[in-house]
N, C-alpha and C. Protein backbone atom coordinates (compact mmCIF):
# COMPACT_ATOMS: atom_id res chain seq x y z
N MET A 1 2.40 87.84 201.68
CA MET A 1 1.26 88.57 201.18
C MET A 1 0.84 88.00 199.84
N ALA A 2 -0.22 87.24 199.82
CA ALA A 2 -0.74 86.74 198.55
C ALA A 2 -1.03 87.94 197.67
N PHE A 3 -0.42 87.99 196.50
CA PHE A 3 -0.52 89.19 195.68
C PHE A 3 -1.93 89.34 195.13
N LEU A 4 -2.46 90.55 195.26
CA LEU A 4 -3.79 90.84 194.75
C LEU A 4 -3.65 91.56 193.41
N GLY A 5 -4.20 91.00 192.35
CA GLY A 5 -4.15 91.65 191.05
C GLY A 5 -2.93 91.26 190.24
N GLN A 6 -2.73 91.98 189.14
CA GLN A 6 -1.70 91.63 188.17
C GLN A 6 -0.72 92.77 187.89
N ALA A 7 -0.76 93.82 188.69
CA ALA A 7 0.14 94.95 188.49
C ALA A 7 0.39 95.63 189.84
N ALA A 8 1.30 96.60 189.83
CA ALA A 8 1.66 97.23 191.11
C ALA A 8 2.36 98.55 190.88
N VAL A 9 2.36 99.37 191.93
CA VAL A 9 3.28 100.49 192.05
C VAL A 9 4.17 100.16 193.24
N ALA A 10 5.46 100.04 193.00
CA ALA A 10 6.43 99.75 194.06
C ALA A 10 7.33 100.96 194.23
N MET A 11 7.50 101.41 195.46
CA MET A 11 8.22 102.66 195.72
C MET A 11 9.15 102.54 196.92
N TRP A 12 10.26 103.26 196.81
CA TRP A 12 11.21 103.38 197.91
C TRP A 12 11.56 104.85 198.07
N TRP A 13 11.69 105.32 199.29
CA TRP A 13 12.16 106.69 199.53
C TRP A 13 12.64 106.80 200.96
N ASN A 14 13.29 107.91 201.26
CA ASN A 14 13.72 108.24 202.62
C ASN A 14 12.87 109.39 203.14
N MET A 15 12.62 109.35 204.45
CA MET A 15 11.87 110.41 205.11
C MET A 15 12.65 110.84 206.35
N ALA A 16 13.07 112.08 206.38
CA ALA A 16 13.87 112.57 207.50
C ALA A 16 13.10 112.44 208.81
N ALA A 17 13.83 112.23 209.89
CA ALA A 17 13.22 111.96 211.19
C ALA A 17 12.27 113.06 211.64
N GLU A 18 12.58 114.32 211.31
CA GLU A 18 11.74 115.41 211.77
C GLU A 18 10.38 115.45 211.07
N HIS A 19 10.24 114.73 209.96
CA HIS A 19 8.96 114.70 209.24
C HIS A 19 8.22 113.37 209.41
N ARG A 20 8.85 112.43 210.08
CA ARG A 20 8.32 111.07 210.08
C ARG A 20 6.94 110.96 210.75
N GLU A 21 6.75 111.57 211.89
CA GLU A 21 5.47 111.44 212.59
C GLU A 21 4.32 111.97 211.73
N GLU A 22 4.51 113.16 211.15
CA GLU A 22 3.44 113.71 210.32
C GLU A 22 3.26 112.87 209.06
N PHE A 23 4.37 112.40 208.47
CA PHE A 23 4.28 111.56 207.29
C PHE A 23 3.43 110.32 207.55
N GLU A 24 3.70 109.62 208.64
CA GLU A 24 2.96 108.39 208.91
C GLU A 24 1.48 108.68 209.18
N HIS A 25 1.20 109.79 209.83
CA HIS A 25 -0.19 110.20 210.06
C HIS A 25 -0.89 110.47 208.72
N TRP A 26 -0.26 111.28 207.89
CA TRP A 26 -0.83 111.59 206.56
C TRP A 26 -0.99 110.35 205.71
N HIS A 27 0.06 109.55 205.65
CA HIS A 27 0.06 108.39 204.75
C HIS A 27 -0.98 107.37 205.17
N SER A 28 -1.19 107.20 206.46
CA SER A 28 -2.15 106.21 206.96
C SER A 28 -3.59 106.71 206.90
N HIS A 29 -3.80 107.99 207.22
CA HIS A 29 -5.16 108.47 207.44
C HIS A 29 -5.73 109.31 206.30
N GLU A 30 -4.86 109.78 205.39
CA GLU A 30 -5.39 110.45 204.21
C GLU A 30 -4.99 109.74 202.92
N HIS A 31 -3.69 109.47 202.75
CA HIS A 31 -3.20 108.98 201.47
C HIS A 31 -3.67 107.55 201.17
N PHE A 32 -3.55 106.66 202.14
CA PHE A 32 -4.02 105.28 201.91
C PHE A 32 -5.51 105.25 201.57
N PRO A 33 -6.38 105.88 202.36
CA PRO A 33 -7.80 105.87 202.00
C PRO A 33 -8.07 106.47 200.62
N GLU A 34 -7.33 107.51 200.27
CA GLU A 34 -7.50 108.12 198.95
C GLU A 34 -7.13 107.12 197.85
N ARG A 35 -5.97 106.50 197.98
CA ARG A 35 -5.54 105.55 196.97
C ARG A 35 -6.46 104.33 196.92
N MET A 36 -6.86 103.81 198.06
CA MET A 36 -7.71 102.63 198.07
C MET A 36 -9.12 102.94 197.57
N GLY A 37 -9.45 104.20 197.43
CA GLY A 37 -10.73 104.59 196.88
C GLY A 37 -10.73 104.65 195.36
N ILE A 38 -9.56 104.48 194.74
CA ILE A 38 -9.46 104.51 193.28
C ILE A 38 -9.81 103.12 192.73
N PRO A 39 -10.72 103.02 191.77
CA PRO A 39 -11.04 101.71 191.18
C PRO A 39 -9.78 101.02 190.66
N GLY A 40 -9.62 99.76 191.04
CA GLY A 40 -8.45 99.00 190.62
C GLY A 40 -7.34 98.92 191.65
N PHE A 41 -7.37 99.76 192.68
CA PHE A 41 -6.41 99.67 193.78
C PHE A 41 -6.97 98.67 194.80
N LEU A 42 -6.24 97.60 195.03
CA LEU A 42 -6.74 96.50 195.85
C LEU A 42 -6.17 96.48 197.26
N ARG A 43 -4.88 96.80 197.40
CA ARG A 43 -4.26 96.80 198.73
C ARG A 43 -3.01 97.66 198.70
N GLY A 44 -2.74 98.32 199.82
CA GLY A 44 -1.51 99.06 200.00
C GLY A 44 -0.80 98.59 201.25
N SER A 45 0.53 98.60 201.23
CA SER A 45 1.29 98.25 202.43
C SER A 45 2.50 99.17 202.52
N ARG A 46 2.80 99.59 203.74
CA ARG A 46 3.96 100.45 204.02
C ARG A 46 4.90 99.71 204.93
N TRP A 47 6.16 99.71 204.57
CA TRP A 47 7.19 98.99 205.31
C TRP A 47 8.30 99.96 205.66
N SER A 48 8.76 99.94 206.90
CA SER A 48 9.83 100.83 207.34
C SER A 48 11.15 100.07 207.42
N SER A 49 12.23 100.79 207.27
CA SER A 49 13.55 100.18 207.26
C SER A 49 13.78 99.34 208.51
N ALA A 50 14.27 98.13 208.32
CA ALA A 50 14.46 97.20 209.44
C ALA A 50 15.53 97.67 210.41
N ASP A 51 16.43 98.52 209.94
CA ASP A 51 17.51 98.99 210.82
C ASP A 51 17.14 100.28 211.55
N GLY A 52 15.87 100.70 211.43
CA GLY A 52 15.44 101.91 212.11
C GLY A 52 15.81 103.18 211.41
N GLY A 53 16.31 103.08 210.18
CA GLY A 53 16.72 104.26 209.43
C GLY A 53 15.55 104.99 208.79
N GLU A 54 15.85 105.83 207.82
CA GLU A 54 14.84 106.71 207.23
C GLU A 54 14.11 106.09 206.04
N GLY A 55 14.48 104.88 205.63
CA GLY A 55 13.94 104.29 204.42
C GLY A 55 12.55 103.70 204.58
N PHE A 56 11.76 103.80 203.52
CA PHE A 56 10.44 103.17 203.44
C PHE A 56 10.31 102.43 202.11
N PHE A 57 9.53 101.36 202.15
CA PHE A 57 9.11 100.64 200.95
C PHE A 57 7.59 100.62 200.98
N VAL A 58 6.96 101.04 199.89
CA VAL A 58 5.50 101.06 199.79
C VAL A 58 5.09 100.31 198.54
N LEU A 59 4.08 99.46 198.69
CA LEU A 59 3.59 98.65 197.57
C LEU A 59 2.09 98.80 197.46
N TYR A 60 1.64 99.20 196.26
CA TYR A 60 0.22 99.22 195.94
C TYR A 60 -0.06 98.10 194.94
N GLU A 61 -0.95 97.20 195.30
CA GLU A 61 -1.32 96.09 194.43
C GLU A 61 -2.56 96.47 193.63
N LEU A 62 -2.49 96.27 192.31
CA LEU A 62 -3.51 96.77 191.41
C LEU A 62 -4.18 95.63 190.65
N GLU A 63 -5.44 95.85 190.32
CA GLU A 63 -6.22 94.82 189.62
C GLU A 63 -5.59 94.45 188.29
N ASN A 64 -5.15 95.44 187.52
CA ASN A 64 -4.53 95.16 186.23
C ASN A 64 -3.62 96.32 185.84
N TYR A 65 -2.85 96.11 184.78
CA TYR A 65 -1.89 97.10 184.33
C TYR A 65 -2.57 98.40 183.91
N GLU A 66 -3.77 98.29 183.36
CA GLU A 66 -4.49 99.46 182.87
C GLU A 66 -4.86 100.44 183.99
N THR A 67 -4.87 99.96 185.23
CA THR A 67 -5.15 100.84 186.37
C THR A 67 -4.15 101.99 186.45
N LEU A 68 -2.92 101.74 185.97
CA LEU A 68 -1.87 102.75 186.05
C LEU A 68 -2.17 103.99 185.22
N THR A 69 -3.00 103.84 184.20
CA THR A 69 -3.35 104.99 183.36
C THR A 69 -4.85 105.26 183.40
N SER A 70 -5.51 104.77 184.42
CA SER A 70 -6.94 104.97 184.54
C SER A 70 -7.25 106.43 184.87
N SER A 71 -8.44 106.85 184.50
CA SER A 71 -8.83 108.24 184.77
C SER A 71 -8.87 108.53 186.27
N GLY A 72 -9.30 107.54 187.07
CA GLY A 72 -9.36 107.75 188.51
C GLY A 72 -8.00 107.98 189.13
N TYR A 73 -7.00 107.21 188.70
CA TYR A 73 -5.65 107.36 189.25
C TYR A 73 -5.02 108.67 188.77
N LEU A 74 -5.12 108.95 187.47
CA LEU A 74 -4.52 110.18 186.95
C LEU A 74 -5.15 111.42 187.55
N GLU A 75 -6.44 111.35 187.84
CA GLU A 75 -7.11 112.49 188.46
C GLU A 75 -6.51 112.79 189.82
N ARG A 76 -6.23 111.76 190.61
CA ARG A 76 -5.64 111.98 191.93
C ARG A 76 -4.18 112.45 191.81
N LEU A 77 -3.43 111.88 190.87
CA LEU A 77 -2.03 112.28 190.70
C LEU A 77 -1.90 113.74 190.28
N ASN A 78 -2.88 114.23 189.58
CA ASN A 78 -2.81 115.60 189.08
C ASN A 78 -3.57 116.61 189.95
N ASN A 79 -4.20 116.13 191.00
CA ASN A 79 -4.94 117.01 191.91
C ASN A 79 -4.67 116.62 193.37
N PRO A 80 -3.40 116.71 193.78
CA PRO A 80 -3.07 116.33 195.16
C PRO A 80 -3.74 117.25 196.17
N THR A 81 -4.06 116.70 197.32
CA THR A 81 -4.66 117.50 198.39
C THR A 81 -3.63 118.47 198.95
N PRO A 82 -4.06 119.47 199.69
CA PRO A 82 -3.09 120.38 200.33
C PRO A 82 -2.09 119.65 201.22
N TRP A 83 -2.56 118.63 201.93
CA TRP A 83 -1.65 117.88 202.82
C TRP A 83 -0.65 117.09 201.99
N SER A 84 -1.11 116.47 200.90
CA SER A 84 -0.19 115.76 200.01
C SER A 84 0.83 116.71 199.41
N THR A 85 0.37 117.88 198.99
CA THR A 85 1.27 118.88 198.42
C THR A 85 2.35 119.28 199.42
N LYS A 86 1.99 119.32 200.69
CA LYS A 86 2.96 119.65 201.74
C LYS A 86 3.97 118.52 201.94
N MET A 87 3.51 117.25 201.90
CA MET A 87 4.37 116.13 202.24
C MET A 87 5.23 115.63 201.08
N MET A 88 4.78 115.79 199.84
CA MET A 88 5.50 115.23 198.69
C MET A 88 6.96 115.68 198.59
N PRO A 89 7.30 116.95 198.85
CA PRO A 89 8.71 117.35 198.73
C PRO A 89 9.64 116.66 199.73
N HIS A 90 9.08 116.06 200.76
CA HIS A 90 9.91 115.40 201.78
C HIS A 90 10.24 113.95 201.42
N HIS A 91 9.70 113.45 200.30
CA HIS A 91 10.04 112.10 199.83
C HIS A 91 11.39 112.18 199.12
N GLN A 92 12.43 111.80 199.81
CA GLN A 92 13.79 111.95 199.28
C GLN A 92 14.27 110.66 198.60
N GLY A 93 14.95 110.83 197.46
CA GLY A 93 15.50 109.67 196.76
C GLY A 93 14.43 108.75 196.22
N MET A 94 13.34 109.31 195.72
CA MET A 94 12.20 108.51 195.29
C MET A 94 12.55 107.57 194.14
N VAL A 95 12.23 106.29 194.32
CA VAL A 95 12.25 105.29 193.26
C VAL A 95 10.82 104.80 193.13
N ARG A 96 10.22 105.01 191.97
CA ARG A 96 8.80 104.69 191.76
C ARG A 96 8.67 103.83 190.51
N SER A 97 8.31 102.59 190.70
CA SER A 97 8.22 101.64 189.59
C SER A 97 6.78 101.21 189.37
N GLN A 98 6.32 101.37 188.13
CA GLN A 98 4.99 100.93 187.73
C GLN A 98 5.17 99.59 187.01
N CYS A 99 4.57 98.55 187.56
CA CYS A 99 4.99 97.19 187.24
C CYS A 99 3.87 96.26 186.79
N ARG A 100 4.29 95.25 186.05
CA ARG A 100 3.47 94.07 185.82
C ARG A 100 3.97 92.96 186.75
N LEU A 101 3.05 92.13 187.22
CA LEU A 101 3.42 90.97 188.03
C LEU A 101 3.88 89.85 187.10
N LEU A 102 5.08 89.33 187.34
CA LEU A 102 5.59 88.21 186.57
C LEU A 102 5.36 86.88 187.24
N HIS A 103 5.43 86.87 188.58
CA HIS A 103 5.26 85.60 189.32
C HIS A 103 4.88 85.91 190.75
N SER A 104 4.07 85.04 191.34
CA SER A 104 3.70 85.19 192.75
C SER A 104 3.43 83.82 193.35
N THR A 105 4.02 83.59 194.51
CA THR A 105 3.80 82.35 195.25
C THR A 105 3.63 82.70 196.72
N GLY A 106 2.70 82.05 197.38
CA GLY A 106 2.52 82.23 198.82
C GLY A 106 1.27 83.01 199.15
N GLY A 107 1.07 83.22 200.44
CA GLY A 107 -0.14 83.91 200.88
C GLY A 107 0.05 84.54 202.24
N GLY A 108 -0.77 85.54 202.52
CA GLY A 108 -0.68 86.24 203.80
C GLY A 108 0.32 87.37 203.77
N ILE A 109 0.40 88.11 204.87
CA ILE A 109 1.32 89.23 205.01
C ILE A 109 2.22 88.96 206.20
N GLY A 110 3.51 88.82 205.94
CA GLY A 110 4.47 88.60 207.02
C GLY A 110 4.96 89.91 207.59
N ARG A 111 5.56 89.84 208.76
CA ARG A 111 6.07 91.06 209.42
C ARG A 111 7.32 91.60 208.74
N HIS A 112 8.11 90.72 208.14
CA HIS A 112 9.41 91.09 207.60
C HIS A 112 9.41 91.00 206.08
N ALA A 113 10.13 91.90 205.43
CA ALA A 113 10.20 91.89 203.97
C ALA A 113 11.63 92.14 203.51
N LEU A 114 11.95 91.53 202.38
CA LEU A 114 13.20 91.76 201.67
C LEU A 114 12.83 92.19 200.26
N THR A 115 13.37 93.30 199.80
CA THR A 115 13.21 93.68 198.40
C THR A 115 14.57 93.63 197.73
N LEU A 116 14.56 93.22 196.47
CA LEU A 116 15.77 93.17 195.67
C LEU A 116 15.46 93.84 194.34
N ARG A 117 16.21 94.89 194.03
CA ARG A 117 16.09 95.57 192.74
C ARG A 117 17.23 95.07 191.85
N LEU A 118 16.88 94.49 190.73
CA LEU A 118 17.87 93.85 189.88
C LEU A 118 17.50 93.99 188.42
N SER A 119 18.43 93.59 187.55
CA SER A 119 18.20 93.60 186.10
C SER A 119 18.73 92.31 185.51
N PRO A 120 18.03 91.75 184.53
CA PRO A 120 18.53 90.56 183.85
C PRO A 120 19.65 90.92 182.88
N ALA A 121 20.61 90.03 182.73
CA ALA A 121 21.61 90.19 181.68
C ALA A 121 20.94 90.04 180.32
N GLU A 122 21.55 90.59 179.30
CA GLU A 122 20.96 90.56 177.97
C GLU A 122 20.68 89.12 177.52
N GLY A 123 19.45 88.90 177.10
CA GLY A 123 19.07 87.59 176.59
C GLY A 123 18.81 86.53 177.64
N ARG A 124 18.81 86.90 178.93
CA ARG A 124 18.67 85.91 179.99
C ARG A 124 17.42 86.12 180.83
N ASP A 125 16.46 86.88 180.32
CA ASP A 125 15.22 87.14 181.04
C ASP A 125 14.51 85.85 181.44
N ALA A 126 14.32 84.95 180.49
CA ALA A 126 13.58 83.72 180.75
C ALA A 126 14.30 82.86 181.77
N GLU A 127 15.62 82.79 181.67
CA GLU A 127 16.41 82.00 182.63
C GLU A 127 16.28 82.56 184.04
N LEU A 128 16.36 83.88 184.16
CA LEU A 128 16.26 84.50 185.48
C LEU A 128 14.88 84.31 186.07
N LEU A 129 13.84 84.47 185.27
CA LEU A 129 12.48 84.30 185.78
C LEU A 129 12.23 82.86 186.20
N ALA A 130 12.73 81.89 185.44
CA ALA A 130 12.56 80.48 185.81
C ALA A 130 13.25 80.20 187.14
N HIS A 131 14.44 80.77 187.33
CA HIS A 131 15.15 80.57 188.60
C HIS A 131 14.40 81.19 189.76
N LEU A 132 13.92 82.40 189.58
CA LEU A 132 13.20 83.07 190.67
C LEU A 132 11.88 82.36 190.98
N SER A 133 11.22 81.84 189.98
CA SER A 133 9.96 81.13 190.19
C SER A 133 10.20 79.86 191.00
N ALA A 134 11.27 79.13 190.67
CA ALA A 134 11.60 77.92 191.44
C ALA A 134 12.00 78.28 192.86
N LEU A 135 12.74 79.36 193.00
CA LEU A 135 13.16 79.82 194.33
C LEU A 135 11.95 80.20 195.17
N ALA A 136 10.95 80.82 194.54
CA ALA A 136 9.73 81.21 195.25
C ALA A 136 9.05 80.00 195.87
N THR A 137 8.91 78.95 195.10
CA THR A 137 8.26 77.74 195.60
C THR A 137 9.01 77.17 196.79
N SER A 138 10.34 77.15 196.69
CA SER A 138 11.15 76.64 197.79
C SER A 138 11.04 77.51 199.03
N PHE A 139 11.11 78.82 198.84
CA PHE A 139 11.12 79.74 199.97
C PHE A 139 9.84 79.67 200.79
N VAL A 140 8.69 79.68 200.15
CA VAL A 140 7.43 79.75 200.90
C VAL A 140 7.11 78.45 201.62
N SER A 141 7.80 77.36 201.27
CA SER A 141 7.57 76.09 201.96
C SER A 141 8.52 75.90 203.13
N GLN A 142 9.48 76.80 203.30
CA GLN A 142 10.45 76.68 204.38
C GLN A 142 9.94 77.39 205.64
N PRO A 143 10.43 76.99 206.82
CA PRO A 143 10.04 77.69 208.04
C PRO A 143 10.36 79.18 207.93
N GLY A 144 9.39 80.00 208.28
CA GLY A 144 9.58 81.44 208.24
C GLY A 144 9.09 82.11 206.99
N GLY A 145 9.09 81.41 205.86
CA GLY A 145 8.70 82.00 204.59
C GLY A 145 7.20 82.18 204.46
N VAL A 146 6.78 83.25 203.81
CA VAL A 146 5.36 83.55 203.63
C VAL A 146 5.00 83.72 202.16
N ALA A 147 5.72 84.60 201.46
CA ALA A 147 5.36 84.91 200.08
C ALA A 147 6.57 85.42 199.32
N PHE A 148 6.49 85.30 197.99
CA PHE A 148 7.62 85.66 197.13
C PHE A 148 7.03 86.13 195.80
N HIS A 149 7.31 87.40 195.42
CA HIS A 149 6.73 87.98 194.21
C HIS A 149 7.84 88.54 193.32
N VAL A 150 7.61 88.46 192.02
CA VAL A 150 8.54 89.03 191.04
C VAL A 150 7.77 90.01 190.17
N LEU A 151 8.29 91.24 190.07
CA LEU A 151 7.66 92.30 189.29
C LEU A 151 8.65 92.83 188.26
N ARG A 152 8.11 93.33 187.15
CA ARG A 152 8.94 93.97 186.13
C ARG A 152 8.38 95.36 185.83
N THR A 153 9.22 96.37 185.87
CA THR A 153 8.77 97.72 185.58
C THR A 153 8.46 97.88 184.10
N GLU A 154 7.28 98.40 183.83
CA GLU A 154 6.88 98.78 182.47
C GLU A 154 6.19 100.13 182.59
N THR A 155 6.96 101.19 182.50
CA THR A 155 6.43 102.52 182.72
C THR A 155 5.49 102.92 181.59
N PRO A 156 4.24 103.24 181.90
CA PRO A 156 3.30 103.63 180.84
C PRO A 156 3.72 104.94 180.17
N GLN A 157 3.30 105.10 178.94
CA GLN A 157 3.52 106.36 178.24
C GLN A 157 2.47 107.36 178.73
N ALA A 158 2.89 108.28 179.57
CA ALA A 158 1.97 109.26 180.13
C ALA A 158 2.73 110.52 180.49
N ALA A 159 2.04 111.64 180.46
CA ALA A 159 2.67 112.90 180.80
C ALA A 159 3.03 112.95 182.27
N SER A 160 4.02 113.77 182.60
CA SER A 160 4.40 113.98 183.99
C SER A 160 3.20 114.50 184.77
N THR A 161 3.02 113.97 185.98
CA THR A 161 1.87 114.37 186.79
C THR A 161 2.26 115.47 187.77
N ARG A 162 1.25 116.07 188.35
CA ARG A 162 1.48 117.14 189.33
C ARG A 162 2.27 116.64 190.53
N GLU A 163 1.97 115.42 191.00
CA GLU A 163 2.71 114.89 192.15
C GLU A 163 4.19 114.73 191.81
N GLN A 164 4.50 114.24 190.61
CA GLN A 164 5.90 114.10 190.21
C GLN A 164 6.58 115.47 190.16
N GLN A 165 5.88 116.45 189.66
CA GLN A 165 6.45 117.79 189.57
C GLN A 165 6.73 118.36 190.96
N ILE A 166 5.84 118.12 191.91
CA ILE A 166 6.06 118.60 193.28
C ILE A 166 7.32 117.98 193.87
N ARG A 167 7.57 116.71 193.52
CA ARG A 167 8.76 116.02 194.03
C ARG A 167 10.02 116.42 193.26
N GLY A 168 9.90 117.31 192.29
CA GLY A 168 11.06 117.77 191.54
C GLY A 168 11.26 117.09 190.21
N GLY A 169 10.34 116.16 189.85
CA GLY A 169 10.42 115.49 188.56
C GLY A 169 11.62 114.59 188.40
N LYS A 170 12.18 114.11 189.50
CA LYS A 170 13.41 113.31 189.43
C LYS A 170 13.21 111.88 189.91
N ASP A 171 11.99 111.38 189.89
CA ASP A 171 11.76 110.00 190.31
C ASP A 171 12.58 109.04 189.45
N LYS A 172 13.18 108.06 190.09
CA LYS A 172 13.87 106.98 189.38
C LYS A 172 12.96 105.75 189.35
N ALA A 173 13.40 104.70 188.68
CA ALA A 173 12.62 103.47 188.63
C ALA A 173 13.56 102.28 188.72
N ALA A 174 13.09 101.20 189.31
CA ALA A 174 13.82 99.94 189.31
C ALA A 174 13.58 99.26 187.96
N ASP A 175 14.16 98.09 187.76
CA ASP A 175 13.94 97.30 186.55
C ASP A 175 13.08 96.10 186.93
N TRP A 176 13.70 95.04 187.45
CA TRP A 176 12.97 93.92 188.02
C TRP A 176 13.00 94.07 189.54
N ILE A 177 11.99 93.52 190.19
CA ILE A 177 11.86 93.61 191.64
C ILE A 177 11.47 92.25 192.21
N VAL A 178 12.16 91.83 193.23
CA VAL A 178 11.74 90.70 194.04
C VAL A 178 11.28 91.25 195.38
N ALA A 179 10.12 90.83 195.83
CA ALA A 179 9.62 91.19 197.15
C ALA A 179 9.26 89.89 197.87
N ALA A 180 10.01 89.58 198.92
CA ALA A 180 9.78 88.37 199.70
C ALA A 180 9.35 88.75 201.11
N ALA A 181 8.37 88.04 201.65
CA ALA A 181 7.87 88.32 203.00
C ALA A 181 8.01 87.09 203.88
N ALA A 182 8.22 87.33 205.18
CA ALA A 182 8.43 86.24 206.12
C ALA A 182 7.88 86.60 207.49
N TYR A 183 7.49 85.59 208.26
CA TYR A 183 7.12 85.83 209.65
C TYR A 183 8.32 85.73 210.56
N ASP A 184 9.44 85.21 210.05
CA ASP A 184 10.67 85.07 210.81
C ASP A 184 11.79 85.69 209.98
N ALA A 185 12.44 86.71 210.51
CA ALA A 185 13.46 87.42 209.76
C ALA A 185 14.62 86.52 209.35
N SER A 186 14.87 85.45 210.10
CA SER A 186 15.99 84.58 209.77
C SER A 186 15.82 83.91 208.41
N ALA A 187 14.57 83.72 207.98
CA ALA A 187 14.33 83.14 206.65
C ALA A 187 14.83 84.09 205.57
N LEU A 188 14.67 85.38 205.79
CA LEU A 188 15.15 86.36 204.83
C LEU A 188 16.67 86.53 204.91
N ASP A 189 17.23 86.35 206.11
CA ASP A 189 18.68 86.38 206.25
C ASP A 189 19.31 85.33 205.33
N ALA A 190 18.78 84.12 205.40
CA ALA A 190 19.32 83.03 204.60
C ALA A 190 19.12 83.29 203.11
N LEU A 191 17.97 83.81 202.75
CA LEU A 191 17.68 84.11 201.35
C LEU A 191 18.62 85.17 200.81
N GLN A 192 18.86 86.21 201.60
CA GLN A 192 19.72 87.30 201.16
C GLN A 192 21.18 86.86 201.05
N ARG A 193 21.62 86.03 201.96
CA ARG A 193 23.02 85.55 201.92
C ARG A 193 23.24 84.56 200.79
N GLY A 194 22.21 83.76 200.50
CA GLY A 194 22.38 82.68 199.54
C GLY A 194 21.82 82.97 198.17
N ALA A 195 20.61 82.49 197.92
CA ALA A 195 20.05 82.50 196.58
C ALA A 195 19.85 83.90 196.00
N LEU A 196 19.64 84.92 196.85
CA LEU A 196 19.49 86.28 196.35
C LEU A 196 20.73 87.13 196.61
N GLY A 197 21.82 86.47 196.93
CA GLY A 197 23.10 87.15 197.07
C GLY A 197 23.84 87.13 195.74
N GLU A 198 25.15 87.00 195.80
CA GLU A 198 25.94 86.98 194.57
C GLU A 198 25.58 85.81 193.68
N ASP A 199 25.00 84.76 194.25
CA ASP A 199 24.63 83.59 193.48
C ASP A 199 23.62 83.92 192.38
N ILE A 200 22.86 84.99 192.55
CA ILE A 200 21.82 85.35 191.58
C ILE A 200 22.43 85.67 190.22
N GLU A 201 23.69 86.09 190.20
CA GLU A 201 24.33 86.42 188.93
C GLU A 201 24.55 85.17 188.07
N ARG A 202 24.71 84.02 188.69
CA ARG A 202 24.89 82.78 187.92
C ARG A 202 23.62 82.40 187.17
N HIS A 203 22.50 82.96 187.58
CA HIS A 203 21.21 82.59 187.01
C HIS A 203 20.62 83.69 186.13
N GLY A 204 21.46 84.64 185.71
CA GLY A 204 21.01 85.58 184.70
C GLY A 204 20.88 87.02 185.13
N ALA A 205 21.22 87.35 186.38
CA ALA A 205 21.12 88.74 186.83
C ALA A 205 22.43 89.48 186.62
N LEU A 206 22.34 90.75 186.30
CA LEU A 206 23.54 91.57 186.22
C LEU A 206 24.09 91.85 187.62
N PRO A 207 25.38 92.14 187.74
CA PRO A 207 25.92 92.55 189.04
C PRO A 207 25.27 93.86 189.49
N GLY A 208 25.31 94.09 190.80
CA GLY A 208 24.84 95.36 191.33
C GLY A 208 23.42 95.37 191.84
N ALA A 209 22.82 94.20 192.06
CA ALA A 209 21.46 94.16 192.62
C ALA A 209 21.45 94.85 193.98
N LEU A 210 20.36 95.56 194.26
CA LEU A 210 20.27 96.36 195.49
C LEU A 210 19.21 95.77 196.42
N ALA A 211 19.63 95.31 197.58
CA ALA A 211 18.72 94.68 198.54
C ALA A 211 18.34 95.66 199.64
N GLY A 212 17.13 95.49 200.19
CA GLY A 212 16.67 96.29 201.32
C GLY A 212 15.83 95.43 202.25
N ARG A 213 15.94 95.70 203.54
CA ARG A 213 15.19 94.93 204.53
C ARG A 213 14.24 95.86 205.28
N TYR A 214 12.99 95.38 205.48
CA TYR A 214 11.92 96.21 206.01
C TYR A 214 11.04 95.44 206.99
N GLN A 215 10.33 96.21 207.82
CA GLN A 215 9.32 95.65 208.71
C GLN A 215 7.97 96.30 208.40
N LEU A 216 6.91 95.51 208.51
CA LEU A 216 5.59 96.02 208.19
C LEU A 216 5.18 97.10 209.18
N ALA A 217 4.75 98.25 208.64
CA ALA A 217 4.23 99.34 209.46
C ALA A 217 2.71 99.42 209.38
N TYR A 218 2.17 99.21 208.17
CA TYR A 218 0.72 99.35 208.00
C TYR A 218 0.32 98.73 206.67
N ALA A 219 -0.83 98.06 206.66
CA ALA A 219 -1.38 97.51 205.42
C ALA A 219 -2.90 97.60 205.48
N ALA A 220 -3.50 97.89 204.33
CA ALA A 220 -4.96 97.98 204.26
C ALA A 220 -5.41 97.69 202.84
N SER A 221 -6.54 97.01 202.73
CA SER A 221 -7.13 96.74 201.43
C SER A 221 -8.23 97.75 201.16
N ALA A 222 -8.69 97.77 199.92
CA ALA A 222 -9.81 98.64 199.57
C ALA A 222 -11.03 98.29 200.41
N HIS A 223 -11.23 97.00 200.67
CA HIS A 223 -12.36 96.56 201.49
C HIS A 223 -12.23 97.07 202.93
N ASP A 224 -11.02 97.06 203.47
CA ASP A 224 -10.79 97.50 204.84
C ASP A 224 -11.20 98.96 205.03
N LEU A 225 -11.01 99.77 203.99
CA LEU A 225 -11.19 101.21 204.13
C LEU A 225 -12.50 101.71 203.56
N LYS A 226 -13.41 100.81 203.23
CA LYS A 226 -14.73 101.24 202.75
C LYS A 226 -15.51 101.86 203.91
């Protein structure tokens, strides 16, 4: 997925099986069109857990960092629809990261995705970013590889929103995020075992990086939903 814009909202959560059908209906037919109608929202994509479990990864690509505190976005966050108000409490274990884009290589949207939530060791930010940038170039040129993005969470100074309050006000956030996409899952298998496995610690990452594997469920741009 060639990254659109210079910022993002990256989110992970679980959705219990008994709520999944309604969640996907709401998220596709009300929530996505609502979000894509906000100035600065360029594309949204929803990815479901590759193992068939309850996990989801959702990525909103934004024109710029200022979109995160724009009046249009804050208005929607503080005035959820009745359907959103019903569905928000079912987002379990929410991790919501408001990010700047650090690096992006590749283009298109692949069926398979790998996300890695990680943190740089103290004083090794530049080393880690240089390694990930070089890895991105290598990955997208290999069979199966499509795109490779690096994001860093920079949470804006803003009051808690109504949507956060409905979810219990306990949203967590990642630090750095790698999102890699592929048309062949085996390309991500190799990436996860090798360069984004324990080897990543040699290049400036702290231990404990958290990986997740997903399949594309739905994607739409602002243009698609006009």
